[in-house]
Structure formats: C-alpha cells, structure tokens
PDB file of all heavy atoms in Angstrom:
ATOM      1  N   ALA A   1      16.018 152.697  77.991  1.00  0.00           N
ATOM      2  CA  ALA A   1      17.297 152.618  78.731  1.00  0.00           C
ATOM      3  C   ALA A   1      17.125 153.054  80.171  1.00  0.00           C
ATOM      4  O   ALA A   1      17.717 152.416  81.067  1.00  0.00           O
ATOM      5  CB  ALA A   1      18.279 153.605  77.986  1.00  0.00           C
ATOM      6  N   VAL A   2      16.355 154.101  80.451  1.00  0.00           N
ATOM      7  CA  VAL A   2      16.125 154.553  81.773  1.00  0.00           C
ATOM      8  C   VAL A   2      15.407 153.447  82.622  1.00  0.00           C
ATOM      9  O   VAL A   2      15.788 153.136  83.758  1.00  0.00           O
ATOM     10  CB  VAL A   2      15.343 155.861  81.822  1.00  0.00           C
ATOM     11  CG1 VAL A   2      14.871 156.189  83.277  1.00  0.00           C
ATOM     12  CG2 VAL A   2      16.185 156.953  81.232  1.00  0.00           C
ATOM     13  N   LEU A   3      14.404 152.894  82.029  1.00  0.00           N
ATOM     14  CA  LEU A   3      13.569 151.892  82.754  1.00  0.00           C
ATOM     15  C   LEU A   3      14.353 150.594  82.968  1.00  0.00           C
ATOM     16  O   LEU A   3      14.259 150.005  84.049  1.00  0.00           O
ATOM     17  CB  LEU A   3      12.305 151.605  81.969  1.00  0.00           C
ATOM     18  CG  LEU A   3      11.281 152.736  81.941  1.00  0.00           C
ATOM     19  CD1 LEU A   3      10.227 152.473  80.913  1.00  0.00           C
ATOM     20  CD2 LEU A   3      10.689 152.971  83.324  1.00  0.00           C
ATOM     21  N   THR A   4      15.235 150.240  82.021  1.00  0.00           N
ATOM     22  CA  THR A   4      16.031 148.981  82.213  1.00  0.00           C
ATOM     23  C   THR A   4      17.050 149.275  83.303  1.00  0.00           C
ATOM     24  O   THR A   4      17.236 148.429  84.188  1.00  0.00           O
ATOM     25  CB  THR A   4      16.740 148.682  80.923  1.00  0.00           C
ATOM     26  OG1 THR A   4      15.773 148.421  79.900  1.00  0.00           O
ATOM     27  CG2 THR A   4      17.701 147.499  80.990  1.00  0.00           C
ATOM     28  N   ALA A   5      17.627 150.471  83.377  1.00  0.00           N
ATOM     29  CA  ALA A   5      18.503 150.832  84.486  1.00  0.00           C
ATOM     30  C   ALA A   5      17.790 150.868  85.772  1.00  0.00           C
ATOM     31  O   ALA A   5      18.381 150.407  86.809  1.00  0.00           O
ATOM     32  CB  ALA A   5      19.200 152.183  84.171  1.00  0.00           C
ATOM     33  N   THR A   6      16.596 151.404  85.793  1.00  0.00           N
ATOM     34  CA  THR A   6      15.789 151.450  87.048  1.00  0.00           C
ATOM     35  C   THR A   6      15.505 150.018  87.564  1.00  0.00           C
ATOM     36  O   THR A   6      15.639 149.798  88.742  1.00  0.00           O
ATOM     37  CB  THR A   6      14.533 152.254  86.772  1.00  0.00           C
ATOM     38  OG1 THR A   6      14.833 153.574  86.391  1.00  0.00           O
ATOM     39  CG2 THR A   6      13.623 152.250  88.041  1.00  0.00           C
ATOM     40  N   ALA A   7      15.091 149.130  86.653  1.00  0.00           N
ATOM     41  CA  ALA A   7      14.785 147.772  87.058  1.00  0.00           C
ATOM     42  C   ALA A   7      16.073 147.097  87.583  1.00  0.00           C
ATOM     43  O   ALA A   7      16.019 146.407  88.576  1.00  0.00           O
ATOM     44  CB  ALA A   7      14.224 146.982  85.852  1.00  0.00           C
ATOM     45  N   GLY A   8      17.224 147.329  86.941  1.00  0.00           N
ATOM     46  CA  GLY A   8      18.462 146.739  87.363  1.00  0.00           C
ATOM     47  C   GLY A   8      18.844 147.244  88.738  1.00  0.00           C
ATOM     48  O   GLY A   8      19.271 146.455  89.607  1.00  0.00           O
ATOM     49  N   ALA A   9      18.664 148.550  88.962  1.00  0.00           N
ATOM     50  CA  ALA A   9      19.052 149.169  90.300  1.00  0.00           C
ATOM     51  C   ALA A   9      18.108 148.577  91.334  1.00  0.00           C
ATOM     52  O   ALA A   9      18.535 148.289  92.458  1.00  0.00           O
ATOM     53  CB  ALA A   9      18.919 150.653  90.265  1.00  0.00           C
ATOM     54  N   ALA A  10      16.857 148.379  91.019  1.00  0.00           N
ATOM     55  CA  ALA A  10      15.913 147.850  91.984  1.00  0.00           C
ATOM     56  C   ALA A  10      16.247 146.372  92.332  1.00  0.00           C
ATOM     57  O   ALA A  10      16.142 145.931  93.481  1.00  0.00           O
ATOM     58  CB  ALA A  10      14.500 147.917  91.435  1.00  0.00           C
ATOM     59  N   ARG A  11      16.628 145.589  91.358  1.00  0.00           N
ATOM     60  CA  ARG A  11      17.144 144.219  91.558  1.00  0.00           C
ATOM     61  C   ARG A  11      18.360 144.214  92.489  1.00  0.00           C
ATOM     62  O   ARG A  11      18.424 143.394  93.356  1.00  0.00           O
ATOM     63  CB  ARG A  11      17.396 143.511  90.221  1.00  0.00           C
ATOM     64  CG  ARG A  11      16.122 143.082  89.535  1.00  0.00           C
ATOM     65  CD  ARG A  11      16.436 142.273  88.296  1.00  0.00           C
ATOM     66  NE  ARG A  11      15.261 142.041  87.536  1.00  0.00           N
ATOM     67  CZ  ARG A  11      14.787 142.770  86.516  1.00  0.00           C
ATOM     68  NH1 ARG A  11      15.506 143.845  86.170  1.00  0.00           N
ATOM     69  NH2 ARG A  11      13.655 142.453  85.910  1.00  0.00           N
ATOM     70  N   GLU A  12      19.265 145.113  92.258  1.00  0.00           N
ATOM     71  CA  GLU A  12      20.465 145.155  93.065  1.00  0.00           C
ATOM     72  C   GLU A  12      20.076 145.610  94.493  1.00  0.00           C
ATOM     73  O   GLU A  12      20.614 145.055  95.462  1.00  0.00           O
ATOM     74  CB  GLU A  12      21.477 146.188  92.486  1.00  0.00           C
ATOM     75  CG  GLU A  12      22.160 145.734  91.263  1.00  0.00           C
ATOM     76  CD  GLU A  12      23.109 146.743  90.667  1.00  0.00           C
ATOM     77  OE1 GLU A  12      23.593 147.630  91.464  1.00  0.00           O
ATOM     78  OE2 GLU A  12      23.356 146.714  89.453  1.00  0.00           O
ATOM     79  N   ALA A  13      19.168 146.502  94.642  1.00  0.00           N
ATOM     80  CA  ALA A  13      18.731 146.926  95.941  1.00  0.00           C
ATOM     81  C   ALA A  13      18.034 145.775  96.666  1.00  0.00           C
ATOM     82  O   ALA A  13      18.278 145.577  97.885  1.00  0.00           O
ATOM     83  CB  ALA A  13      17.787 148.108  95.842  1.00  0.00           C
ATOM     84  N   LEU A  14      17.258 144.983  95.957  1.00  0.00           N
ATOM     85  CA  LEU A  14      16.647 143.783  96.644  1.00  0.00           C
ATOM     86  C   LEU A  14      17.691 142.860  97.052  1.00  0.00           C
ATOM     87  O   LEU A  14      17.600 142.279  98.142  1.00  0.00           O
ATOM     88  CB  LEU A  14      15.678 143.142  95.661  1.00  0.00           C
ATOM     89  CG  LEU A  14      14.295 143.729  95.593  1.00  0.00           C
ATOM     90  CD1 LEU A  14      13.462 143.134  94.442  1.00  0.00           C
ATOM     91  CD2 LEU A  14      13.524 143.550  96.910  1.00  0.00           C
ATOM     92  N   ALA A  15      18.671 142.570  96.281  1.00  0.00           N
ATOM     93  CA  ALA A  15      19.708 141.682  96.640  1.00  0.00           C
ATOM     94  C   ALA A  15      20.518 142.217  97.846  1.00  0.00           C
ATOM     95  O   ALA A  15      20.842 141.419  98.750  1.00  0.00           O
ATOM     96  CB  ALA A  15      20.738 141.453  95.472  1.00  0.00           C
ATOM     97  N   GLY A  16      20.714 143.515  97.900  1.00  0.00           N
ATOM     98  CA  GLY A  16      21.346 144.099  99.042  1.00  0.00           C
ATOM     99  C   GLY A  16      20.532 144.002 100.324  1.00  0.00           C
ATOM    100  O   GLY A  16      21.078 143.680 101.377  1.00  0.00           O
ATOM    101  N   THR A  17      19.228 144.135 100.232  1.00  0.00           N
ATOM    102  CA  THR A  17      18.413 143.996 101.456  1.00  0.00           C
ATOM    103  C   THR A  17      18.383 142.499 101.862  1.00  0.00           C
ATOM    104  O   THR A  17      18.305 142.296 103.064  1.00  0.00           O
ATOM    105  CB  THR A  17      17.005 144.491 101.182  1.00  0.00           C
ATOM    106  OG1 THR A  17      16.375 143.784 100.146  1.00  0.00           O
ATOM    107  CG2 THR A  17      16.986 145.978 100.889  1.00  0.00           C
ATOM    108  N   ALA A  18      18.451 141.584 100.926  1.00  0.00           N
ATOM    109  CA  ALA A  18      18.479 140.217 101.301  1.00  0.00           C
ATOM    110  C   ALA A  18      19.796 139.882 102.113  1.00  0.00           C
ATOM    111  O   ALA A  18      19.786 139.192 103.103  1.00  0.00           O
ATOM    112  CB  ALA A  18      18.427 139.281 100.061  1.00  0.00           C
ATOM    113  N   ARG A  19      20.906 140.462 101.612  1.00  0.00           N
ATOM    114  CA  ARG A  19      22.199 140.294 102.316  1.00  0.00           C
ATOM    115  C   ARG A  19      22.130 140.997 103.648  1.00  0.00           C
ATOM    116  O   ARG A  19      22.568 140.397 104.673  1.00  0.00           O
ATOM    117  CB  ARG A  19      23.354 140.883 101.517  1.00  0.00           C
ATOM    118  CG  ARG A  19      23.761 140.032 100.285  1.00  0.00           C
ATOM    119  CD  ARG A  19      25.047 140.558  99.672  1.00  0.00           C
ATOM    120  NE  ARG A  19      24.941 141.950  99.184  1.00  0.00           N
ATOM    121  CZ  ARG A  19      24.436 142.333  98.005  1.00  0.00           C
ATOM    122  NH1 ARG A  19      24.053 141.438  97.137  1.00  0.00           N
ATOM    123  NH2 ARG A  19      24.398 143.606  97.725  1.00  0.00           N
ATOM    124  N   ASP A  20      21.583 142.147 103.743  1.00  0.00           N
ATOM    125  CA  ASP A  20      21.481 142.902 105.040  1.00  0.00           C
ATOM    126  C   ASP A  20      20.650 142.057 106.006  1.00  0.00           C
ATOM    127  O   ASP A  20      20.987 142.020 107.166  1.00  0.00           O
ATOM    128  CB  ASP A  20      20.897 144.311 104.822  1.00  0.00           C
ATOM    129  CG  ASP A  20      21.802 145.216 104.065  1.00  0.00           C
ATOM    130  OD1 ASP A  20      22.992 144.898 103.944  1.00  0.00           O
ATOM    131  OD2 ASP A  20      21.327 146.330 103.653  1.00  0.00           O
ATOM    132  N   HIS A  21      19.512 141.522 105.528  1.00  0.00           N
ATOM    133  CA  HIS A  21      18.651 140.755 106.393  1.00  0.00           C
ATOM    134  C   HIS A  21      19.364 139.507 106.880  1.00  0.00           C
ATOM    135  O   HIS A  21      19.265 139.153 108.048  1.00  0.00           O
ATOM    136  CB  HIS A  21      17.352 140.397 105.698  1.00  0.00           C
ATOM    137  CG  HIS A  21      16.313 139.807 106.562  1.00  0.00           C
ATOM    138  ND1 HIS A  21      15.660 140.561 107.550  1.00  0.00           N
ATOM    139  CD2 HIS A  21      15.887 138.557 106.662  1.00  0.00           C
ATOM    140  CE1 HIS A  21      14.868 139.767 108.179  1.00  0.00           C
ATOM    141  NE2 HIS A  21      14.934 138.560 107.692  1.00  0.00           N
ATOM    142  N   ALA A  22      20.090 138.853 106.007  1.00  0.00           N
ATOM    143  CA  ALA A  22      20.843 137.657 106.423  1.00  0.00           C
ATOM    144  C   ALA A  22      21.919 138.078 107.425  1.00  0.00           C
ATOM    145  O   ALA A  22      22.125 137.280 108.397  1.00  0.00           O
ATOM    146  CB  ALA A  22      21.484 137.011 105.239  1.00  0.00           C
ATOM    147  N   GLY A  23      22.478 139.212 107.382  1.00  0.00           N
ATOM    148  CA  GLY A  23      23.498 139.672 108.273  1.00  0.00           C
ATOM    149  C   GLY A  23      22.906 139.927 109.665  1.00  0.00           C
ATOM    150  O   GLY A  23      23.631 139.782 110.680  1.00  0.00           O
ATOM    151  N   LEU A  24      21.619 140.233 109.752  1.00  0.00           N
ATOM    152  CA  LEU A  24      20.959 140.410 111.084  1.00  0.00           C
ATOM    153  C   LEU A  24      21.066 139.151 111.909  1.00  0.00           C
ATOM    154  O   LEU A  24      21.149 139.167 113.138  1.00  0.00           O
ATOM    155  CB  LEU A  24      19.498 140.831 110.889  1.00  0.00           C
ATOM    156  CG  LEU A  24      19.265 142.237 110.521  1.00  0.00           C
ATOM    157  CD1 LEU A  24      17.757 142.516 110.369  1.00  0.00           C
ATOM    158  CD2 LEU A  24      19.864 143.246 111.494  1.00  0.00           C
ATOM    159  N   ALA A  25      20.954 137.981 111.222  1.00  0.00           N
ATOM    160  CA  ALA A  25      20.947 136.723 111.935  1.00  0.00           C
ATOM    161  C   ALA A  25      22.319 136.488 112.644  1.00  0.00           C
ATOM    162  O   ALA A  25      22.404 135.765 113.661  1.00  0.00           O
ATOM    163  CB  ALA A  25      20.708 135.559 110.973  1.00  0.00           C
ATOM    164  N   ASP A  26      23.376 137.089 112.098  1.00  0.00           N
ATOM    165  CA  ASP A  26      24.671 136.958 112.679  1.00  0.00           C
ATOM    166  C   ASP A  26      24.926 137.870 113.879  1.00  0.00           C
ATOM    167  O   ASP A  26      25.904 137.727 114.554  1.00  0.00           O
ATOM    168  CB  ASP A  26      25.768 137.207 111.630  1.00  0.00           C
ATOM    169  CG  ASP A  26      25.687 136.188 110.498  1.00  0.00           C
ATOM    170  OD1 ASP A  26      25.173 135.066 110.750  1.00  0.00           O
ATOM    171  OD2 ASP A  26      26.118 136.523 109.412  1.00  0.00           O
ATOM    172  N   ASP A  27      24.053 138.888 114.033  1.00  0.00           N
ATOM    173  CA  ASP A  27      24.224 139.831 115.135  1.00  0.00           C
ATOM    174  C   ASP A  27      24.006 139.166 116.454  1.00  0.00           C
ATOM    175  O   ASP A  27      23.102 138.339 116.675  1.00  0.00           O
ATOM    176  CB  ASP A  27      23.190 141.009 114.962  1.00  0.00           C
ATOM    177  CG  ASP A  27      23.618 141.984 113.946  1.00  0.00           C
ATOM    178  OD1 ASP A  27      24.808 141.882 113.402  1.00  0.00           O
ATOM    179  OD2 ASP A  27      22.851 142.886 113.641  1.00  0.00           O
TER     180      ASP A  27
END
C-alpha cells in the first residue's frame, strides 16, 4: 500500500513537472 502510494505520488509529481516545464515556454 505504501509503495503503491509512493509510485502514484511520483507519477503525479512527474506530470506536474511536465506541466511546469511546458509553462516555461509561455513565459
């Protein structure tokens, strides 16, 4: 349960960094 949650949080963090990086192009 802990490892599944950790993997899910890491996937969400990766998606967030992809969005953040895409947002840099708009700056």
